[in-house]
Each structure stands twice: as C-alpha cells, then as structure tokens.
Amino acid sequence: MSEFLQGPWLTIIGIGDNGLESLTPEAQSVVWQAETLVIGERLDAVIDGSSLPSLKRILTWGAGFRETLAEILKLRGTPVTVLATGDPMHFGIGATLRRYVASEEMFVLPSPSAFSLAAARLGWPLQSVTQISLHGRPLSFLNRHVLPRARILALTSDASTVQAAAVLLAERGFGASVLHVLEHMGGARERLLRMMALEMAETRPKISDFNTLAIDCAQDGPLLAPVPGLPDEAFRHDGQLTKREIRAATLAQLAPFPNALLWDVGAGCGSIAIEWMRAGMGTKAIAIEAKPERLMMIRQNADTLGVPDLEIVEGEAPTALVGLKVPDVVFIGGGITGEGLFETCWQALGPGGLLVANAVTIEGEARLAELRGIWGGELTRIQVARAAPVGRYCGWKSLMPVTMWTVVKGEGV
C-alpha cells in the first residue's frame, strides 16, 4: 500500500478573520507541522504579520486554480495544509478539492462558516435561510432565490457583488428589500451595514471587499414560485413554448430528484430544462436545440430565472447527442418522428432511466403509440382550455391537445 493511502496527507483548515489566533491548538499544531502551506488570496491580509513555521513551500491560488491544483497533486503523500476561510466544505475549497482527492486522503478542520456567523449576528434561524455562493459565480444565480419574504445569505466576491445585487433587486421589483452587509466577521474590523436595496443601488456606499451579504426580501415583490408551472410570460419565446399547464404536468412526470441530469431534446426556449433545474437539489440539465435564435432565448431565460449553469448544446438531434454526459432522464419535446431520435435517447439511458416524450401532431401521437406497444409505459392525453373573450362574453379557447408518453427503461434493454 502506498504511503498516502495509510492516512490523510491533505489537511484543510478553516480560519477566521482574526487569523491564526482563531485556530484551535489542534489546528495550530497541524499548521506548524506542514511541509507545504496553501493560502488563498483573501487570507494574505488575514495572516499578514503572523508567525508562520519554516516551510518547504508556500503556494497561493493566485497562480490559477488548475495550476495550483496540479502542484498540490504532485505533492501527494507529503504533508500539505490548505488554509481556507470559515467552513471549507460549505461552498469552500474543501468541497472543490474533494472532486480530485479521495475523502480518506483528506482531513478537514472547519471554523464557523460565514453563514453561521451571519445567522448568529442577525438572529436568523439558519435552517430557514437560503444559503448560496456568488463568489466567482454569475450574479444571476441569485434570481432563482428572490421571492417575497425570503431570507438569503450569500457569499460574495467583493464589494461589487453587493452593489450589483442591490441593482438586481431594485430592477426585479424588490427595491424595498433590506440588505445587511456583514464585514470582517470575527475580526477587529467587523462592521454591519444595513440599507434598503434601492437606496444602496442609488448611493453606492463604500463597502469592504471581505463581506457576506444577507438579504431580507420585500414582502410585495413579484412571485416566480419555485414549483413547476411558471407563467408563460416568464419566458422569452417565439411561440415554441410548452404551455404552463402542460409544462407543470410534464415536470411532474419527469420527477426531478437530487443530482439528476436531464436531456431536454428540442429545447425550444428552454422552459422544461430551466424549471427542472429550478427544482433545486443539485439537478442539472443539458438543453439541445438546433436553431441559433432559440439558443439565445434559452441563455437569456436561464439567466433571468436563476439557472445560468444550464448547459446548452447547439445542433440537430440525434447527431448533437453524441458524446454528451449520460442522462438520468430524457425529455423529447418535439421531433419524436425523427429518424433515430428515440433510439439514440433510449440507448443513452441506463437501466432505471426515465424517458418522457410529448407530441401534438397525429403523426407524433401515432409514433408514441407504436413505441408504447414495443416498450410499454404510460400514455396520457392532456387537453387544456383557457377562458377568453367572445364578444361581450367569455368562452373557452382550447389549446392543442398533447399526448405524453412516460416509460422507464428496464434491465437489459
């Protein structure tokens, strides 16, 4: 057995704003035993002036993540200590390094996270608060969580994140939301700045780059609920949109579950993939669409509705499906009669994988009936009518009926 498998060689220590003084005796002893110390850019000021042990090597993430990661992995088997802020496993470098290093090779000593410290300062029950990171991530991640009466704690990149969030909230109709900017929590320079979003957007007060943002959302802002079935008007589209009622029923059949990957084949404006990801739980999606003008709509809708990490693939299925990550669930929103489309999607699914296909044409419905005869599954026909003006009165205007096929792939097929 190689040396590094006999015990952890990589130690990750959470540190507070007051530097090495925040560490327990156990954590301090680990720092002093390290042969290599890895320090984040934010920690340069925190440990400035601290007495550090004689080290073989000091690395910083300033050289670039991949470059520094490569250097760390070259040192596998020798004592390496990474200093991080707060809890390294909560949106921190520990969670990132875990993708490259086995858990038995790591030893993590956390400090209280920024979320815990902020909740304690504000008196917010942490289990009732949305916790996100905007550090190094698109601000549009915030959009999905902005809801009336919601409370949000967000890690930030710097002061500009707070200012941009204030502008976003004001533009979304949440200008009355109260922003709490918690600077240097636990350190000598700790400060709490409290201001309404609209006021902050207009006055742009001076804010420390080392901060955590807490948002107490206004009660009267517009509601875009996290449950499936957003209003059709929430999406930019060219008419190729799975209508609200059908979309809600389709998402119920797709049944999002933790960390599952969806293929949305023939995504149109991306409504199904976007609502799948808005379900949360780490759900991921790939939207496959052939028309360039719709690709732009998908990206805009994904940003507006808070899922900028939606993966978008340009191309005609089934050719565009080759080489994509293996899906857990596939949705075919159109083109089920296309040659090889179903076969390619079915082959990509593993045992237990789910496929849902919708059709609005007679030919598409016939194809679904044919496939059900071969593979089984459930056929459902949905008819929706909406009230619309008829002269001085009101009558029912029917949408096109939709036939939905839902099937689970069995073992050995």
Protein backbone atom coordinates (compact mmCIF):
# COMPACT_ATOMS: atom_id res chain seq x y z
CA MET A 1 0.00 0.00 0.00
CA SER A 2 1.35 3.42 -0.94
CA GLU A 3 2.16 5.87 1.81
CA PHE A 4 -0.64 8.36 1.13
CA LEU A 5 -3.33 5.69 1.47
CA GLN A 6 -2.20 4.98 5.04
CA GLY A 7 -3.71 8.26 6.22
CA PRO A 8 -4.62 11.78 5.17
CA TRP A 9 -1.83 13.80 3.60
CA LEU A 10 -4.01 16.81 2.74
CA THR A 11 -5.29 18.90 5.64
CA ILE A 12 -7.75 21.73 5.06
CA ILE A 13 -8.19 24.21 7.88
CA GLY A 14 -10.87 26.88 8.17
CA ILE A 15 -9.59 30.15 9.54
CA GLY A 16 -11.40 33.21 10.85
CA ASP A 17 -10.88 36.91 10.19
CA ASN A 18 -8.58 37.18 13.20
CA GLY A 19 -6.04 34.91 11.54
CA LEU A 20 -4.12 32.13 13.24
CA GLU A 21 -5.50 33.24 16.60
CA SER A 22 -8.87 31.81 15.53
CA LEU A 23 -7.44 28.30 15.29
CA THR A 24 -7.73 25.63 17.95
CA PRO A 25 -4.49 24.23 19.41
CA GLU A 26 -5.01 21.13 17.24
CA ALA A 27 -5.29 23.19 14.08
CA GLN A 28 -2.29 25.33 15.01
CA SER A 29 -0.16 22.24 15.53
CA VAL A 30 -1.12 20.98 12.06
CA VAL A 31 -0.07 24.29 10.54
CA TRP A 32 3.31 24.06 12.24
CA GLN A 33 3.83 20.50 11.02
CA ALA A 34 3.04 21.28 7.39
CA GLU A 35 5.74 20.92 4.77
CA THR A 36 3.67 22.91 2.27
CA LEU A 37 1.11 25.60 3.05
CA VAL A 38 -1.51 26.72 0.51
CA ILE A 39 -3.03 30.14 1.12
CA GLY A 40 -5.97 31.79 -0.60
CA GLU A 41 -5.68 35.35 -1.87
CA ARG A 42 -8.22 36.59 0.68
CA LEU A 43 -6.11 35.20 3.51
CA ASP A 44 -2.98 37.16 2.65
CA ALA A 45 -4.23 40.11 4.69
CA VAL A 46 -5.66 37.89 7.44
CA ILE A 47 -2.36 36.20 8.25
CA ASP A 48 -0.22 39.24 7.46
CA GLY A 49 2.30 39.62 10.26
CA SER A 50 1.55 36.20 11.73
CA SER A 51 4.40 33.98 12.76
CA LEU A 52 4.50 31.06 10.34
CA PRO A 53 6.62 27.93 10.60
CA SER A 54 9.62 27.27 8.38
CA LEU A 55 8.10 25.63 5.35
CA LYS A 56 9.46 23.80 2.37
CA ARG A 57 6.97 25.62 0.20
CA ILE A 58 4.13 28.17 0.18
CA LEU A 59 1.60 28.11 -2.63
CA THR A 60 -1.19 30.55 -3.41
CA TRP A 61 -4.26 30.20 -5.59
CA GLY A 62 -3.25 33.43 -7.31
CA ALA A 63 -1.34 31.40 -9.89
CA GLY A 64 -4.67 29.99 -11.10
CA PHE A 65 -6.76 27.15 -9.74
CA ARG A 66 -5.71 24.44 -12.18
CA GLU A 67 -2.04 25.35 -11.92
CA THR A 68 -2.05 25.31 -8.11
CA LEU A 69 -4.14 22.13 -8.02
CA ALA A 70 -1.59 20.41 -10.24
CA GLU A 71 1.19 21.41 -7.83
CA ILE A 72 -0.79 20.11 -4.86
CA LEU A 73 -1.45 16.75 -6.52
CA LYS A 74 2.26 16.39 -7.31
CA LEU A 75 2.87 16.54 -3.55
CA ARG A 76 0.51 13.63 -2.83
CA GLY A 77 1.84 11.66 0.11
CA THR A 78 3.65 14.57 1.78
CA PRO A 79 2.03 16.83 4.39
CA VAL A 80 0.15 19.64 2.67
CA THR A 81 -2.05 22.10 4.57
CA VAL A 82 -4.57 24.35 2.88
CA LEU A 83 -5.83 27.41 4.77
CA ALA A 84 -9.35 28.48 3.85
CA THR A 85 -11.95 30.87 5.22
CA GLY A 86 -14.68 29.51 7.51
CA ASP A 87 -16.01 26.06 6.71
CA PRO A 88 -14.03 24.64 3.75
CA MET A 89 -16.79 22.11 2.95
CA HIS A 90 -19.57 24.71 2.63
CA PHE A 91 -19.10 26.34 -0.79
CA GLY A 92 -15.38 26.25 0.01
CA ILE A 93 -12.12 24.94 -1.37
CA GLY A 94 -12.56 21.70 0.57
CA ALA A 95 -15.66 20.81 -1.42
CA THR A 96 -13.79 21.62 -4.64
CA LEU A 97 -10.70 19.58 -3.74
CA ARG A 98 -12.91 16.64 -2.84
CA ARG A 99 -13.57 16.19 -6.58
CA TYR A 100 -9.88 15.37 -7.06
CA VAL A 101 -8.86 13.80 -3.75
CA ALA A 102 -10.47 10.81 -2.01
CA SER A 103 -12.10 11.52 1.35
CA GLU A 104 -9.71 9.17 3.16
CA GLU A 105 -6.80 11.31 1.95
CA MET A 106 -8.26 14.48 3.45
CA PHE A 107 -8.55 15.80 6.99
CA VAL A 108 -10.76 18.87 7.44
CA LEU A 109 -10.81 21.18 10.46
CA PRO A 110 -13.59 23.73 9.90
CA SER A 111 -14.21 27.05 11.59
CA PRO A 112 -17.70 28.53 11.81
CA SER A 113 -18.91 29.31 8.29
CA ALA A 114 -19.82 32.81 7.18
CA PHE A 115 -23.42 31.58 7.07
CA SER A 116 -23.31 30.50 10.73
CA LEU A 117 -21.68 33.75 11.83
CA ALA A 118 -24.12 35.90 9.87
CA ALA A 119 -27.15 33.99 11.16
CA ALA A 120 -25.87 34.43 14.71
CA ARG A 121 -25.34 38.16 14.22
CA LEU A 122 -28.79 38.68 12.68
CA GLY A 123 -30.78 36.20 14.79
CA TRP A 124 -31.93 34.28 11.70
CA PRO A 125 -32.67 30.55 12.17
CA LEU A 126 -30.18 29.07 9.73
CA GLN A 127 -32.42 26.19 8.68
CA SER A 128 -34.95 28.70 7.35
CA VAL A 129 -32.47 30.70 5.30
CA THR A 130 -31.35 30.11 1.69
CA GLN A 131 -27.56 29.80 1.56
CA ILE A 132 -25.80 30.45 -1.75
CA SER A 133 -22.43 31.50 -3.09
CA LEU A 134 -21.94 34.35 -5.53
CA HIS A 135 -18.18 34.17 -5.07
CA GLY A 136 -16.73 33.68 -8.53
CA ARG A 137 -20.18 32.82 -9.85
CA PRO A 138 -22.67 34.72 -12.04
CA LEU A 139 -24.89 37.13 -10.14
CA SER A 140 -27.87 35.62 -11.99
CA PHE A 141 -27.70 32.65 -9.59
CA LEU A 142 -29.46 35.00 -7.18
CA ASN A 143 -32.56 35.30 -9.40
CA ARG A 144 -33.96 31.87 -8.55
CA HIS A 145 -34.00 32.65 -4.83
CA VAL A 146 -35.50 36.15 -4.86
CA LEU A 147 -39.02 35.55 -3.56
CA PRO A 148 -41.37 37.55 -1.32
CA ARG A 149 -40.39 37.17 2.36
CA ALA A 150 -37.34 35.03 1.52
CA ARG A 151 -34.16 35.40 3.52
CA ILE A 152 -30.91 34.79 1.68
CA LEU A 153 -27.31 34.56 2.85
CA ALA A 154 -24.77 34.91 0.06
CA LEU A 155 -21.00 34.68 -0.12
CA THR A 156 -19.60 37.42 -2.34
CA SER A 157 -16.51 38.01 -4.48
CA ASP A 158 -16.04 41.60 -3.25
CA ALA A 159 -17.89 44.86 -2.72
CA SER A 160 -19.02 44.95 -6.34
CA THR A 161 -21.15 41.83 -5.76
CA VAL A 162 -23.19 43.68 -3.13
CA GLN A 163 -23.70 46.71 -5.36
CA ALA A 164 -24.72 44.54 -8.31
CA ALA A 165 -27.14 42.56 -6.11
CA ALA A 166 -28.76 45.80 -4.95
CA VAL A 167 -29.30 46.88 -8.57
CA LEU A 168 -30.69 43.47 -9.50
CA LEU A 169 -33.17 43.54 -6.62
CA ALA A 170 -34.33 47.04 -7.50
CA GLU A 171 -34.82 46.05 -11.15
CA ARG A 172 -36.76 42.94 -10.11
CA GLY A 173 -39.23 44.97 -8.06
CA PHE A 174 -37.58 44.11 -4.74
CA GLY A 175 -36.07 47.53 -4.06
CA ALA A 176 -37.67 47.58 -0.58
CA SER A 177 -35.63 44.52 0.45
CA VAL A 178 -33.27 45.12 3.36
CA LEU A 179 -29.61 44.33 2.73
CA HIS A 180 -27.30 43.53 5.63
CA VAL A 181 -23.61 43.67 4.70
CA LEU A 182 -21.52 41.89 7.32
CA GLU A 183 -17.85 42.82 7.00
CA HIS A 184 -14.86 41.03 8.56
CA MET A 185 -16.98 38.92 10.92
CA GLY A 186 -14.98 37.81 13.95
CA GLY A 187 -12.16 40.26 13.26
CA ALA A 188 -11.10 43.61 14.62
CA ARG A 189 -12.66 45.43 11.66
CA GLU A 190 -16.11 43.83 11.93
CA ARG A 191 -18.94 46.08 10.81
CA LEU A 192 -22.62 45.70 9.91
CA LEU A 193 -24.09 47.95 7.24
CA ARG A 194 -27.89 47.86 6.84
CA MET A 195 -29.66 49.57 3.94
CA MET A 196 -32.61 49.09 1.58
CA ALA A 197 -31.67 47.70 -1.82
CA LEU A 198 -32.94 50.71 -3.77
CA GLU A 199 -31.04 53.12 -1.52
CA MET A 200 -27.85 51.10 -1.86
CA ALA A 201 -28.20 50.93 -5.62
CA GLU A 202 -28.55 54.73 -5.77
CA THR A 203 -25.97 55.81 -3.17
CA ARG A 204 -23.29 53.12 -3.68
CA PRO A 205 -21.80 53.31 -0.15
CA LYS A 206 -18.22 52.23 0.48
CA ILE A 207 -18.11 48.54 1.41
CA SER A 208 -15.24 46.26 2.37
CA ASP A 209 -14.38 43.59 -0.18
CA PHE A 210 -14.36 40.97 2.61
CA ASN A 211 -18.07 40.65 3.33
CA THR A 212 -21.11 38.39 3.49
CA LEU A 213 -24.44 39.59 2.13
CA ALA A 214 -27.76 38.94 3.89
CA ILE A 215 -30.98 39.78 2.04
CA ASP A 216 -34.36 40.16 3.72
CA CYS A 217 -36.59 40.16 0.64
CA ALA A 218 -39.51 42.57 0.46
CA GLN A 219 -42.96 41.07 1.00
CA ASP A 220 -44.60 42.67 -2.01
CA GLY A 221 -42.18 41.75 -4.78
CA PRO A 222 -43.32 39.72 -7.81
CA LEU A 223 -43.62 35.98 -7.24
CA LEU A 224 -41.99 33.43 -9.54
CA ALA A 225 -42.61 30.31 -7.48
CA PRO A 226 -40.02 27.50 -7.39
CA VAL A 227 -42.67 24.85 -8.13
CA PRO A 228 -43.14 23.88 -11.81
CA GLY A 229 -45.59 25.85 -13.92
CA LEU A 230 -44.19 29.37 -14.23
CA PRO A 231 -46.39 31.79 -16.20
CA ASP A 232 -45.77 31.63 -19.93
CA GLU A 233 -44.84 35.32 -19.76
CA ALA A 234 -41.83 34.46 -17.60
CA PHE A 235 -40.09 33.10 -20.69
CA ARG A 236 -38.89 34.84 -23.81
CA HIS A 237 -40.04 32.66 -26.71
CA ASP A 238 -41.10 32.60 -30.36
CA GLY A 239 -44.24 30.55 -29.81
CA GLN A 240 -42.39 27.26 -29.34
CA LEU A 241 -43.14 27.01 -25.65
CA THR A 242 -44.58 24.16 -23.60
CA LYS A 243 -47.58 25.95 -22.11
CA ARG A 244 -47.85 26.42 -18.37
CA GLU A 245 -50.38 23.67 -17.60
CA ILE A 246 -48.68 21.11 -19.86
CA ARG A 247 -45.28 22.12 -18.51
CA ALA A 248 -46.37 21.52 -14.92
CA ALA A 249 -47.77 18.10 -15.84
CA THR A 250 -44.61 17.25 -17.80
CA LEU A 251 -42.33 18.20 -14.90
CA ALA A 252 -44.47 16.05 -12.59
CA GLN A 253 -43.81 13.08 -14.89
CA LEU A 254 -40.09 13.92 -15.19
CA ALA A 255 -39.95 13.90 -11.36
CA PRO A 256 -36.69 15.80 -10.59
CA PHE A 257 -34.53 14.15 -7.94
CA PRO A 258 -31.18 15.03 -6.31
CA ASN A 259 -28.20 15.47 -8.66
CA ALA A 260 -30.08 14.02 -11.65
CA LEU A 261 -29.12 15.05 -15.19
CA LEU A 262 -31.84 15.81 -17.76
CA TRP A 263 -31.53 15.91 -21.52
CA ASP A 264 -34.06 18.40 -22.91
CA VAL A 265 -34.07 17.40 -26.59
CA GLY A 266 -35.50 20.04 -28.88
CA ALA A 267 -35.48 22.54 -26.03
CA GLY A 268 -37.21 25.45 -27.81
CA CYS A 269 -36.89 28.33 -25.34
CA GLY A 270 -35.56 26.00 -22.62
CA SER A 271 -38.61 26.10 -20.33
CA ILE A 272 -38.52 22.41 -19.34
CA ALA A 273 -34.78 22.32 -18.62
CA ILE A 274 -34.97 25.59 -16.70
CA GLU A 275 -37.86 24.50 -14.50
CA TRP A 276 -36.13 21.15 -13.92
CA MET A 277 -33.08 22.99 -12.56
CA ARG A 278 -35.19 25.41 -10.52
CA ALA A 279 -36.39 22.38 -8.57
CA GLY A 280 -33.00 22.51 -6.84
CA MET A 281 -31.39 19.50 -5.14
CA GLY A 282 -28.37 19.80 -7.44
CA THR A 283 -30.37 18.94 -10.54
CA LYS A 284 -28.54 19.52 -13.83
CA ALA A 285 -29.75 19.78 -17.41
CA ILE A 286 -28.50 19.94 -20.98
CA ALA A 287 -30.71 21.83 -23.45
CA ILE A 288 -30.23 20.65 -27.04
CA GLU A 289 -31.56 23.00 -29.72
CA ALA A 290 -30.78 23.42 -33.43
CA LYS A 291 -31.95 26.98 -34.11
CA PRO A 292 -29.41 29.71 -33.21
CA GLU A 293 -32.07 32.33 -32.40
CA ARG A 294 -33.60 29.97 -29.84
CA LEU A 295 -30.20 29.30 -28.26
CA MET A 296 -30.02 32.98 -27.37
CA MET A 297 -33.51 32.80 -25.85
CA ILE A 298 -32.50 29.78 -23.77
CA ARG A 299 -29.46 31.62 -22.38
CA GLN A 300 -31.48 34.74 -21.56
CA ASN A 301 -34.23 32.71 -19.89
CA ALA A 302 -31.71 30.69 -17.90
CA ASP A 303 -30.05 33.86 -16.58
CA THR A 304 -33.33 35.64 -15.82
CA LEU A 305 -34.73 32.65 -13.95
CA GLY A 306 -31.59 31.92 -11.95
CA VAL A 307 -30.01 28.85 -13.58
CA PRO A 308 -27.04 30.27 -15.54
CA ASP A 309 -25.26 26.91 -15.22
CA LEU A 310 -27.71 25.30 -17.66
CA GLU A 311 -25.61 23.59 -20.33
CA ILE A 312 -26.70 24.47 -23.87
CA VAL A 313 -25.77 22.42 -26.92
CA GLU A 314 -26.34 23.67 -30.45
CA GLY A 315 -27.19 21.03 -33.01
CA GLU A 316 -29.76 18.74 -34.54
CA ALA A 317 -30.64 15.59 -32.62
CA PRO A 318 -29.75 12.78 -32.73
CA THR A 319 -26.32 13.83 -34.08
CA ALA A 320 -25.89 16.51 -31.38
CA LEU A 321 -26.43 13.93 -28.63
CA VAL A 322 -23.24 12.02 -29.36
CA GLY A 323 -20.66 12.40 -26.60
CA LEU A 324 -22.92 14.15 -24.09
CA LYS A 325 -22.86 13.18 -20.42
CA VAL A 326 -25.06 10.17 -19.69
CA PRO A 327 -28.56 11.32 -18.68
CA ASP A 328 -30.72 10.05 -15.85
CA VAL A 329 -33.86 11.43 -17.51
CA VAL A 330 -34.65 12.38 -21.11
CA PHE A 331 -37.41 14.69 -22.34
CA ILE A 332 -38.28 14.81 -26.03
CA GLY A 333 -40.44 17.85 -26.56
CA GLY A 334 -40.69 17.58 -30.32
CA GLY A 335 -39.43 15.62 -33.28
CA ILE A 336 -40.27 12.19 -31.92
CA THR A 337 -40.90 11.08 -35.53
CA GLY A 338 -37.32 11.97 -36.48
CA GLU A 339 -35.21 9.06 -37.68
CA GLY A 340 -33.07 7.60 -34.92
CA LEU A 341 -34.03 10.19 -32.29
CA PHE A 342 -35.83 7.89 -29.88
CA GLU A 343 -33.32 5.08 -30.43
CA THR A 344 -30.35 7.33 -29.60
CA CYS A 345 -32.01 8.70 -26.45
CA TRP A 346 -33.09 5.22 -25.32
CA GLN A 347 -29.61 3.81 -25.82
CA ALA A 348 -28.09 6.65 -23.79
CA LEU A 349 -30.28 5.90 -20.76
CA GLY A 350 -29.07 3.37 -18.22
CA PRO A 351 -31.32 0.81 -16.53
CA GLY A 352 -33.95 2.61 -14.49
CA GLY A 353 -33.64 5.74 -16.62
CA LEU A 354 -36.81 7.67 -17.40
CA LEU A 355 -37.97 8.99 -20.78
CA VAL A 356 -40.89 11.36 -21.31
CA ALA A 357 -41.98 12.42 -24.79
CA ASN A 358 -44.71 14.87 -25.81
CA ALA A 359 -46.45 15.05 -29.18
CA VAL A 360 -49.08 17.41 -30.58
CA THR A 361 -49.41 16.06 -34.15
CA ILE A 362 -51.33 12.98 -35.27
CA GLU A 363 -48.09 11.53 -36.67
CA GLY A 364 -46.27 12.14 -33.40
CA GLU A 365 -49.11 10.58 -31.43
CA ALA A 366 -49.04 7.53 -33.71
CA ARG A 367 -45.29 7.18 -33.13
CA LEU A 368 -45.79 7.30 -29.36
CA ALA A 369 -48.49 4.63 -29.58
CA GLU A 370 -46.13 2.48 -31.64
CA LEU A 371 -43.29 2.88 -29.14
CA ARG A 372 -45.58 2.11 -26.23
CA GLY A 373 -46.55 -1.14 -27.96
CA ILE A 374 -42.88 -2.11 -28.04
CA TRP A 375 -41.53 -0.76 -24.75
CA GLY A 376 -44.58 -0.35 -22.55
CA GLY A 377 -45.02 2.71 -20.38
CA GLU A 378 -47.97 5.03 -19.90
CA LEU A 379 -49.79 7.20 -22.43
CA THR A 380 -51.68 10.29 -21.29
CA ARG A 381 -53.64 12.80 -23.35
CA ILE A 382 -53.99 16.29 -21.90
CA GLN A 383 -56.49 18.86 -23.11
CA VAL A 384 -56.41 22.40 -21.70
CA ALA A 385 -58.87 25.21 -22.33
CA ARG A 386 -58.47 28.79 -21.18
CA ALA A 387 -61.19 31.38 -20.79
CA ALA A 388 -61.03 34.10 -23.46
CA PRO A 389 -63.27 36.99 -24.59
CA VAL A 390 -66.08 36.13 -27.00
CA GLY A 391 -67.60 39.47 -27.90
CA ARG A 392 -69.12 40.87 -24.70
CA TYR A 393 -68.90 37.48 -23.03
CA CYS A 394 -66.31 34.87 -22.19
CA GLY A 395 -65.79 31.40 -23.62
CA TRP A 396 -63.37 28.52 -23.59
CA LYS A 397 -60.48 28.58 -26.04
CA SER A 398 -58.84 25.17 -26.36
CA LEU A 399 -55.10 24.69 -26.67
CA MET A 400 -53.81 21.89 -28.86
CA PRO A 401 -54.12 18.55 -27.06
CA VAL A 402 -50.84 16.97 -26.01
CA THR A 403 -50.11 13.26 -25.86
CA MET A 404 -47.50 12.31 -23.27
CA TRP A 405 -45.61 9.02 -23.11
CA THR A 406 -43.73 8.10 -19.94
CA VAL A 407 -41.54 4.98 -19.81
CA VAL A 408 -38.85 3.58 -17.52
CA LYS A 409 -36.02 1.62 -19.08
CA GLY A 410 -35.75 -1.86 -17.63
CA GLU A 411 -32.73 -4.08 -17.09
CA GLY A 412 -31.08 -5.43 -20.22
CA VAL A 413 -32.92 -3.21 -22.74
